[in-house]
Amino acid sequence: MLQVCNTGLKTESVALKPGYVLQLRPKGTDDQLRDLFVLVLEAGESGDILVVPFGPLTRAAFASELLTDFKDEALRVLCLWNAQWLPQPVVTRSWHIANASEQLLENVVALRTSLTTQKPVPAHLQALIGPTGECVGEQRFVYLVREEEIWTPYLS
């Protein structure tokens, strides 16, 4: 059973479950620091935890990004393209701040399936994802590189 700090100021532990939204403990240099929120997807056999980060934008920029049902701007967009397996100690030093709805978890599974099988995105998700197409403008490319780098402090 994995444990994380409970919501609020209490330091009680709660069992880590898929669908939990966590705020990771900040790591890195000042220019890398930002509040990093992730959605827990699954625990691997090795003990690592698969998480999907919430992006810094309030609209999905790519077809592999998904609008959520959270009202908070920091939790508006999930970046499935940037999912990452993190070591258990990194994830367990975090704060449980929310739970994903069943609908959001179903949407994540449907979009992941579509992306991994290269099948069309289900019609009900079309309005929740970013633009499709392979053209990546310079600003979008910079965004991709910057977002990939969020994991560096957590994996070193």
N, C-alpha and C. Protein backbone atom coordinates (compact mmCIF):
# COMPACT_ATOMS: atom_id res chain seq x y z
N MET A 1 0.86 -1.18 0.00
CA MET A 1 0.00 0.00 0.00
C MET A 1 0.89 1.23 0.00
N LEU A 2 0.69 2.09 -0.98
CA LEU A 2 1.44 3.33 -1.06
C LEU A 2 0.72 4.39 -0.25
N GLN A 3 1.46 5.31 0.29
CA GLN A 3 0.87 6.34 1.12
C GLN A 3 1.27 7.72 0.60
N VAL A 4 0.38 8.67 0.74
CA VAL A 4 0.68 10.07 0.44
C VAL A 4 0.08 10.92 1.55
N CYS A 5 0.54 12.16 1.65
CA CYS A 5 -0.04 13.06 2.64
C CYS A 5 -1.48 13.33 2.26
N ASN A 6 -2.30 13.46 3.26
CA ASN A 6 -3.73 13.71 3.03
C ASN A 6 -3.95 15.18 2.68
N THR A 7 -5.12 15.47 2.16
CA THR A 7 -5.50 16.83 1.80
C THR A 7 -5.44 17.73 3.03
N GLY A 8 -5.05 18.95 2.82
CA GLY A 8 -5.05 19.93 3.90
C GLY A 8 -3.76 19.89 4.70
N LEU A 9 -3.83 20.36 5.91
CA LEU A 9 -2.64 20.49 6.74
C LEU A 9 -2.31 19.22 7.51
N LYS A 10 -3.21 18.27 7.56
CA LYS A 10 -2.96 17.04 8.27
C LYS A 10 -1.86 16.25 7.57
N THR A 11 -1.12 15.49 8.34
CA THR A 11 -0.07 14.66 7.76
C THR A 11 -0.45 13.19 7.79
N GLU A 12 -1.75 12.91 7.92
CA GLU A 12 -2.21 11.53 7.88
C GLU A 12 -1.87 10.95 6.50
N SER A 13 -1.74 9.66 6.45
CA SER A 13 -1.50 9.00 5.17
C SER A 13 -2.78 8.40 4.64
N VAL A 14 -2.89 8.38 3.32
CA VAL A 14 -4.03 7.74 2.67
C VAL A 14 -3.47 6.79 1.62
N ALA A 15 -4.20 5.73 1.33
CA ALA A 15 -3.74 4.77 0.32
C ALA A 15 -3.79 5.42 -1.06
N LEU A 16 -2.74 5.25 -1.83
CA LEU A 16 -2.66 5.83 -3.17
C LEU A 16 -3.47 4.99 -4.14
N LYS A 17 -4.35 5.66 -4.93
CA LYS A 17 -5.23 4.95 -5.86
C LYS A 17 -5.21 5.62 -7.22
N PRO A 18 -5.45 4.84 -8.29
CA PRO A 18 -5.65 5.46 -9.60
C PRO A 18 -6.80 6.46 -9.51
N GLY A 19 -6.63 7.60 -10.16
CA GLY A 19 -7.64 8.64 -10.11
C GLY A 19 -7.33 9.73 -9.11
N TYR A 20 -6.34 9.50 -8.25
CA TYR A 20 -5.96 10.56 -7.32
C TYR A 20 -5.24 11.67 -8.08
N VAL A 21 -5.52 12.88 -7.71
CA VAL A 21 -4.78 14.03 -8.20
C VAL A 21 -3.84 14.45 -7.08
N LEU A 22 -2.56 14.51 -7.43
CA LEU A 22 -1.53 14.81 -6.45
C LEU A 22 -0.78 16.08 -6.84
N GLN A 23 -0.33 16.79 -5.83
CA GLN A 23 0.62 17.88 -6.05
C GLN A 23 1.97 17.33 -5.63
N LEU A 24 2.89 17.24 -6.60
CA LEU A 24 4.21 16.73 -6.29
C LEU A 24 5.01 17.75 -5.52
N ARG A 25 5.87 17.26 -4.65
CA ARG A 25 6.77 18.14 -3.91
C ARG A 25 7.71 18.80 -4.91
N PRO A 26 7.84 20.14 -4.85
CA PRO A 26 8.71 20.81 -5.82
C PRO A 26 10.14 20.32 -5.74
N LYS A 27 10.74 20.17 -6.91
CA LYS A 27 12.14 19.77 -7.03
C LYS A 27 12.74 20.54 -8.19
N GLY A 28 14.04 20.79 -8.12
CA GLY A 28 14.71 21.43 -9.24
C GLY A 28 15.19 22.82 -8.90
N THR A 29 15.69 23.49 -9.92
CA THR A 29 16.20 24.84 -9.77
C THR A 29 15.04 25.83 -9.84
N ASP A 30 15.32 27.07 -9.48
CA ASP A 30 14.26 28.08 -9.46
C ASP A 30 13.54 28.21 -10.80
N ASP A 31 14.28 28.08 -11.91
CA ASP A 31 13.63 28.24 -13.21
C ASP A 31 12.82 27.01 -13.61
N GLN A 32 12.97 25.91 -12.88
CA GLN A 32 12.20 24.70 -13.17
C GLN A 32 10.99 24.57 -12.25
N LEU A 33 10.99 25.33 -11.18
CA LEU A 33 9.95 25.16 -10.17
C LEU A 33 8.61 25.71 -10.64
N ARG A 34 7.60 24.91 -10.46
CA ARG A 34 6.21 25.33 -10.63
C ARG A 34 5.39 24.29 -9.89
N ASP A 35 4.19 24.64 -9.53
CA ASP A 35 3.32 23.66 -8.92
C ASP A 35 3.04 22.59 -9.96
N LEU A 36 3.38 21.36 -9.65
CA LEU A 36 3.19 20.26 -10.60
C LEU A 36 2.13 19.32 -10.05
N PHE A 37 1.02 19.27 -10.77
CA PHE A 37 -0.09 18.42 -10.41
C PHE A 37 -0.15 17.26 -11.38
N VAL A 38 -0.43 16.06 -10.86
CA VAL A 38 -0.47 14.87 -11.70
C VAL A 38 -1.69 14.03 -11.35
N LEU A 39 -2.13 13.25 -12.34
CA LEU A 39 -3.19 12.28 -12.15
C LEU A 39 -2.54 10.91 -12.09
N VAL A 40 -2.82 10.15 -11.05
CA VAL A 40 -2.28 8.80 -10.92
C VAL A 40 -3.10 7.86 -11.80
N LEU A 41 -2.38 7.10 -12.67
CA LEU A 41 -3.06 6.14 -13.54
C LEU A 41 -2.91 4.71 -13.06
N GLU A 42 -1.69 4.31 -12.73
CA GLU A 42 -1.49 2.92 -12.31
C GLU A 42 -0.15 2.74 -11.63
N ALA A 43 -0.05 1.65 -10.90
CA ALA A 43 1.21 1.25 -10.28
C ALA A 43 1.77 0.08 -11.08
N GLY A 44 3.05 0.17 -11.41
CA GLY A 44 3.69 -0.90 -12.16
C GLY A 44 4.21 -1.99 -11.26
N GLU A 45 4.59 -3.10 -11.86
CA GLU A 45 5.12 -4.23 -11.08
C GLU A 45 6.41 -3.87 -10.37
N SER A 46 7.16 -2.93 -10.96
CA SER A 46 8.44 -2.52 -10.36
C SER A 46 8.24 -1.60 -9.16
N GLY A 47 7.02 -1.13 -8.97
CA GLY A 47 6.75 -0.19 -7.90
C GLY A 47 6.65 1.24 -8.39
N ASP A 48 7.09 1.50 -9.62
CA ASP A 48 6.96 2.84 -10.18
C ASP A 48 5.48 3.15 -10.42
N ILE A 49 5.17 4.43 -10.48
CA ILE A 49 3.78 4.88 -10.62
C ILE A 49 3.65 5.66 -11.92
N LEU A 50 2.65 5.31 -12.73
CA LEU A 50 2.38 6.03 -13.97
C LEU A 50 1.49 7.22 -13.65
N VAL A 51 1.98 8.42 -14.00
CA VAL A 51 1.23 9.64 -13.76
C VAL A 51 1.13 10.43 -15.06
N VAL A 52 0.10 11.25 -15.14
CA VAL A 52 -0.08 12.18 -16.26
C VAL A 52 -0.10 13.57 -15.66
N PRO A 53 0.75 14.47 -16.18
CA PRO A 53 0.76 15.82 -15.62
C PRO A 53 -0.39 16.67 -16.17
N PHE A 54 -0.81 17.60 -15.35
CA PHE A 54 -1.71 18.65 -15.81
C PHE A 54 -0.81 19.74 -16.38
N GLY A 55 -1.17 20.24 -17.54
CA GLY A 55 -0.35 21.24 -18.21
C GLY A 55 -0.61 22.65 -17.71
N PRO A 56 0.24 23.59 -18.14
CA PRO A 56 0.11 24.98 -17.69
C PRO A 56 -0.94 25.79 -18.46
N LEU A 57 -1.49 25.21 -19.53
CA LEU A 57 -2.46 25.94 -20.35
C LEU A 57 -3.88 25.62 -19.92
N THR A 58 -4.81 26.47 -20.30
CA THR A 58 -6.21 26.24 -19.95
C THR A 58 -6.99 25.64 -21.11
N ARG A 59 -6.33 25.47 -22.26
CA ARG A 59 -6.93 24.81 -23.42
C ARG A 59 -5.95 23.76 -23.92
N ALA A 60 -6.49 22.69 -24.44
CA ALA A 60 -5.64 21.63 -24.99
C ALA A 60 -4.93 22.15 -26.24
N ALA A 61 -3.61 21.94 -26.32
CA ALA A 61 -2.82 22.42 -27.45
C ALA A 61 -2.59 21.33 -28.50
N PHE A 62 -2.79 20.08 -28.13
CA PHE A 62 -2.54 18.95 -29.02
C PHE A 62 -3.66 17.93 -28.87
N ALA A 63 -3.75 17.05 -29.85
CA ALA A 63 -4.77 15.99 -29.81
C ALA A 63 -4.50 14.99 -28.68
N SER A 64 -3.32 15.02 -28.11
CA SER A 64 -2.99 14.13 -27.00
C SER A 64 -3.11 14.85 -25.65
N GLU A 65 -3.82 15.98 -25.66
CA GLU A 65 -4.14 16.70 -24.43
C GLU A 65 -5.65 16.71 -24.28
N LEU A 66 -6.10 16.60 -23.04
CA LEU A 66 -7.52 16.41 -22.75
C LEU A 66 -8.02 17.43 -21.74
N LEU A 67 -9.09 18.13 -22.10
CA LEU A 67 -9.74 19.01 -21.14
C LEU A 67 -10.39 18.16 -20.05
N THR A 68 -10.34 18.66 -18.83
CA THR A 68 -10.90 17.92 -17.70
C THR A 68 -12.18 18.59 -17.23
N ASP A 69 -12.79 18.00 -16.23
CA ASP A 69 -14.00 18.58 -15.63
C ASP A 69 -13.68 19.37 -14.36
N PHE A 70 -12.39 19.61 -14.08
CA PHE A 70 -12.02 20.42 -12.92
C PHE A 70 -12.21 21.89 -13.23
N LYS A 71 -12.63 22.66 -12.26
CA LYS A 71 -12.83 24.10 -12.43
C LYS A 71 -11.52 24.88 -12.27
N ASP A 72 -10.63 24.40 -11.41
CA ASP A 72 -9.36 25.08 -11.16
C ASP A 72 -8.52 25.11 -12.44
N GLU A 73 -8.02 26.28 -12.82
CA GLU A 73 -7.24 26.40 -14.05
C GLU A 73 -6.00 25.51 -14.06
N ALA A 74 -5.41 25.27 -12.92
CA ALA A 74 -4.21 24.43 -12.85
C ALA A 74 -4.52 22.97 -13.16
N LEU A 75 -5.79 22.61 -13.15
CA LEU A 75 -6.20 21.22 -13.38
C LEU A 75 -7.08 21.09 -14.62
N ARG A 76 -7.00 22.03 -15.53
CA ARG A 76 -7.90 22.04 -16.69
C ARG A 76 -7.49 21.09 -17.80
N VAL A 77 -6.17 20.88 -18.00
CA VAL A 77 -5.72 20.10 -19.16
C VAL A 77 -4.75 19.01 -18.72
N LEU A 78 -5.05 17.78 -19.12
CA LEU A 78 -4.14 16.65 -18.90
C LEU A 78 -3.31 16.44 -20.15
N CYS A 79 -2.02 16.27 -19.96
CA CYS A 79 -1.08 16.08 -21.09
C CYS A 79 -0.72 14.60 -21.19
N LEU A 80 -1.56 13.83 -21.86
CA LEU A 80 -1.32 12.39 -21.97
C LEU A 80 -0.02 12.08 -22.69
N TRP A 81 0.39 12.91 -23.62
CA TRP A 81 1.64 12.71 -24.35
C TRP A 81 2.84 12.75 -23.42
N ASN A 82 2.67 13.34 -22.24
CA ASN A 82 3.79 13.51 -21.31
C ASN A 82 3.65 12.62 -20.08
N ALA A 83 2.90 11.53 -20.20
CA ALA A 83 2.78 10.59 -19.08
C ALA A 83 4.16 10.06 -18.73
N GLN A 84 4.36 9.77 -17.46
CA GLN A 84 5.69 9.37 -17.00
C GLN A 84 5.58 8.36 -15.86
N TRP A 85 6.44 7.37 -15.90
CA TRP A 85 6.60 6.46 -14.75
C TRP A 85 7.55 7.14 -13.78
N LEU A 86 7.10 7.35 -12.54
CA LEU A 86 7.93 7.98 -11.53
C LEU A 86 8.25 6.97 -10.43
N PRO A 87 9.44 7.10 -9.84
CA PRO A 87 9.77 6.22 -8.71
C PRO A 87 8.79 6.43 -7.56
N GLN A 88 8.47 5.36 -6.91
CA GLN A 88 7.51 5.41 -5.80
C GLN A 88 7.85 6.49 -4.76
N PRO A 89 9.13 6.64 -4.34
CA PRO A 89 9.41 7.68 -3.33
C PRO A 89 9.05 9.10 -3.77
N VAL A 90 9.15 9.37 -5.06
CA VAL A 90 8.77 10.70 -5.56
C VAL A 90 7.28 10.91 -5.40
N VAL A 91 6.51 9.90 -5.76
CA VAL A 91 5.05 10.03 -5.72
C VAL A 91 4.54 10.04 -4.29
N THR A 92 5.15 9.29 -3.43
CA THR A 92 4.65 9.23 -2.06
C THR A 92 5.00 10.48 -1.26
N ARG A 93 5.91 11.30 -1.76
CA ARG A 93 6.19 12.59 -1.12
C ARG A 93 5.38 13.68 -1.84
N SER A 94 4.09 13.52 -1.81
CA SER A 94 3.20 14.45 -2.51
C SER A 94 1.96 14.65 -1.66
N TRP A 95 1.09 15.54 -2.15
CA TRP A 95 -0.13 15.84 -1.43
C TRP A 95 -1.34 15.44 -2.27
N HIS A 96 -2.24 14.72 -1.68
CA HIS A 96 -3.49 14.32 -2.35
C HIS A 96 -4.42 15.52 -2.27
N ILE A 97 -4.79 16.07 -3.44
CA ILE A 97 -5.60 17.28 -3.43
C ILE A 97 -7.01 17.09 -3.99
N ALA A 98 -7.21 16.03 -4.77
CA ALA A 98 -8.53 15.83 -5.38
C ALA A 98 -8.63 14.41 -5.91
N ASN A 99 -9.81 14.06 -6.36
CA ASN A 99 -10.05 12.78 -7.04
C ASN A 99 -10.66 13.06 -8.40
N ALA A 100 -10.22 12.34 -9.41
CA ALA A 100 -10.80 12.46 -10.74
C ALA A 100 -12.18 11.81 -10.74
N SER A 101 -13.08 12.36 -11.53
CA SER A 101 -14.41 11.76 -11.69
C SER A 101 -14.28 10.48 -12.51
N GLU A 102 -15.26 9.62 -12.39
CA GLU A 102 -15.29 8.40 -13.21
C GLU A 102 -15.29 8.75 -14.69
N GLN A 103 -16.04 9.80 -15.06
CA GLN A 103 -16.10 10.21 -16.46
C GLN A 103 -14.72 10.64 -16.97
N LEU A 104 -13.99 11.37 -16.16
CA LEU A 104 -12.64 11.79 -16.58
C LEU A 104 -11.74 10.58 -16.75
N LEU A 105 -11.79 9.64 -15.83
CA LEU A 105 -10.97 8.44 -15.96
C LEU A 105 -11.34 7.64 -17.21
N GLU A 106 -12.62 7.55 -17.50
CA GLU A 106 -13.05 6.87 -18.73
C GLU A 106 -12.54 7.60 -19.97
N ASN A 107 -12.58 8.93 -19.95
CA ASN A 107 -12.07 9.71 -21.07
C ASN A 107 -10.57 9.50 -21.26
N VAL A 108 -9.83 9.45 -20.16
CA VAL A 108 -8.38 9.23 -20.24
C VAL A 108 -8.10 7.86 -20.85
N VAL A 109 -8.80 6.84 -20.40
CA VAL A 109 -8.60 5.49 -20.94
C VAL A 109 -8.93 5.47 -22.44
N ALA A 110 -10.05 6.09 -22.82
CA ALA A 110 -10.45 6.10 -24.23
C ALA A 110 -9.43 6.83 -25.09
N LEU A 111 -8.91 7.97 -24.62
CA LEU A 111 -7.93 8.71 -25.41
C LEU A 111 -6.61 7.97 -25.47
N ARG A 112 -6.17 7.40 -24.36
CA ARG A 112 -4.92 6.61 -24.36
C ARG A 112 -5.03 5.44 -25.33
N THR A 113 -6.17 4.77 -25.32
CA THR A 113 -6.38 3.65 -26.22
C THR A 113 -6.30 4.12 -27.67
N SER A 114 -6.95 5.23 -27.95
CA SER A 114 -6.92 5.78 -29.30
C SER A 114 -5.49 6.13 -29.72
N LEU A 115 -4.74 6.75 -28.83
CA LEU A 115 -3.37 7.16 -29.15
C LEU A 115 -2.45 5.96 -29.34
N THR A 116 -2.59 4.94 -28.51
CA THR A 116 -1.68 3.80 -28.60
C THR A 116 -2.02 2.86 -29.74
N THR A 117 -3.29 2.83 -30.12
CA THR A 117 -3.69 1.95 -31.23
C THR A 117 -3.76 2.69 -32.56
N GLN A 118 -3.57 3.99 -32.51
CA GLN A 118 -3.65 4.87 -33.69
C GLN A 118 -5.01 4.78 -34.38
N LYS A 119 -6.02 4.56 -33.57
CA LYS A 119 -7.40 4.56 -34.07
C LYS A 119 -7.99 5.95 -33.84
N PRO A 120 -9.04 6.29 -34.58
CA PRO A 120 -9.64 7.62 -34.41
C PRO A 120 -10.10 7.87 -32.98
N VAL A 121 -9.98 9.11 -32.56
CA VAL A 121 -10.45 9.51 -31.24
C VAL A 121 -11.97 9.40 -31.23
N PRO A 122 -12.55 8.82 -30.18
CA PRO A 122 -14.01 8.71 -30.12
C PRO A 122 -14.68 10.08 -30.28
N ALA A 123 -15.81 10.08 -30.92
CA ALA A 123 -16.52 11.33 -31.24
C ALA A 123 -16.79 12.17 -29.99
N HIS A 124 -17.14 11.51 -28.87
CA HIS A 124 -17.48 12.27 -27.67
C HIS A 124 -16.28 13.00 -27.06
N LEU A 125 -15.06 12.66 -27.51
CA LEU A 125 -13.86 13.33 -27.00
C LEU A 125 -13.36 14.44 -27.92
N GLN A 126 -13.89 14.52 -29.12
CA GLN A 126 -13.38 15.48 -30.10
C GLN A 126 -13.35 16.91 -29.58
N ALA A 127 -14.37 17.32 -28.86
CA ALA A 127 -14.43 18.69 -28.35
C ALA A 127 -13.54 18.90 -27.13
N LEU A 128 -12.98 17.82 -26.59
CA LEU A 128 -12.17 17.92 -25.37
C LEU A 128 -10.67 17.85 -25.63
N ILE A 129 -10.28 17.62 -26.87
CA ILE A 129 -8.86 17.51 -27.18
C ILE A 129 -8.42 18.70 -28.01
N GLY A 130 -7.10 18.85 -28.12
CA GLY A 130 -6.55 19.94 -28.92
C GLY A 130 -6.59 19.61 -30.39
N PRO A 131 -6.06 20.53 -31.19
CA PRO A 131 -6.08 20.34 -32.64
C PRO A 131 -5.26 19.12 -33.07
N THR A 132 -5.73 18.47 -34.11
CA THR A 132 -5.01 17.33 -34.66
C THR A 132 -4.09 17.84 -35.77
N GLY A 133 -3.21 16.98 -36.23
CA GLY A 133 -2.30 17.37 -37.31
C GLY A 133 -0.87 17.31 -36.82
N GLU A 134 0.02 17.17 -37.75
CA GLU A 134 1.43 16.99 -37.44
C GLU A 134 2.21 18.30 -37.40
N CYS A 135 1.62 19.38 -37.88
CA CYS A 135 2.33 20.66 -37.93
C CYS A 135 2.52 21.20 -36.51
N VAL A 136 3.77 21.38 -36.14
CA VAL A 136 4.07 21.93 -34.82
C VAL A 136 4.82 23.24 -35.03
N GLY A 137 4.14 24.36 -34.78
CA GLY A 137 4.77 25.66 -34.89
C GLY A 137 5.85 25.83 -33.84
N GLU A 138 6.66 26.85 -34.00
CA GLU A 138 7.80 27.05 -33.10
C GLU A 138 7.36 27.19 -31.65
N GLN A 139 6.31 27.97 -31.38
CA GLN A 139 5.86 28.14 -30.00
C GLN A 139 5.37 26.82 -29.41
N ARG A 140 4.67 26.04 -30.20
CA ARG A 140 4.19 24.75 -29.72
C ARG A 140 5.36 23.80 -29.49
N PHE A 141 6.40 23.88 -30.33
CA PHE A 141 7.58 23.04 -30.14
C PHE A 141 8.29 23.42 -28.85
N VAL A 142 8.44 24.70 -28.59
CA VAL A 142 9.07 25.17 -27.35
C VAL A 142 8.27 24.67 -26.15
N TYR A 143 6.95 24.75 -26.26
CA TYR A 143 6.07 24.25 -25.20
C TYR A 143 6.33 22.77 -24.94
N LEU A 144 6.41 21.97 -26.00
CA LEU A 144 6.66 20.53 -25.84
C LEU A 144 7.98 20.27 -25.12
N VAL A 145 9.03 20.94 -25.56
CA VAL A 145 10.35 20.75 -24.96
C VAL A 145 10.32 21.15 -23.49
N ARG A 146 9.74 22.30 -23.19
CA ARG A 146 9.69 22.78 -21.81
C ARG A 146 8.91 21.81 -20.93
N GLU A 147 7.80 21.31 -21.45
CA GLU A 147 6.99 20.39 -20.65
C GLU A 147 7.67 19.04 -20.45
N GLU A 148 8.40 18.56 -21.44
CA GLU A 148 9.14 17.30 -21.25
C GLU A 148 10.18 17.44 -20.15
N GLU A 149 10.73 18.63 -20.00
CA GLU A 149 11.78 18.87 -19.01
C GLU A 149 11.28 18.92 -17.57
N ILE A 150 9.96 18.94 -17.36
CA ILE A 150 9.45 18.99 -15.98
C ILE A 150 9.87 17.76 -15.19
N TRP A 151 10.12 16.64 -15.89
CA TRP A 151 10.45 15.39 -15.20
C TRP A 151 11.90 15.29 -14.78
N THR A 152 12.79 16.06 -15.38
CA THR A 152 14.23 15.94 -15.12
C THR A 152 14.57 15.94 -13.62
N PRO A 153 14.09 16.90 -12.82
CA PRO A 153 14.46 16.87 -11.41
C PRO A 153 13.90 15.66 -10.65
N TYR A 154 12.81 15.10 -11.13
CA TYR A 154 12.17 13.97 -10.43
C TYR A 154 12.81 12.62 -10.78
N LEU A 155 13.54 12.60 -11.87
CA LEU A 155 14.14 11.33 -12.31
C LEU A 155 15.64 11.26 -12.06
N SER A 156 16.22 12.35 -11.54
CA SER A 156 17.67 12.33 -11.31
C SER A 156 18.00 12.10 -9.86
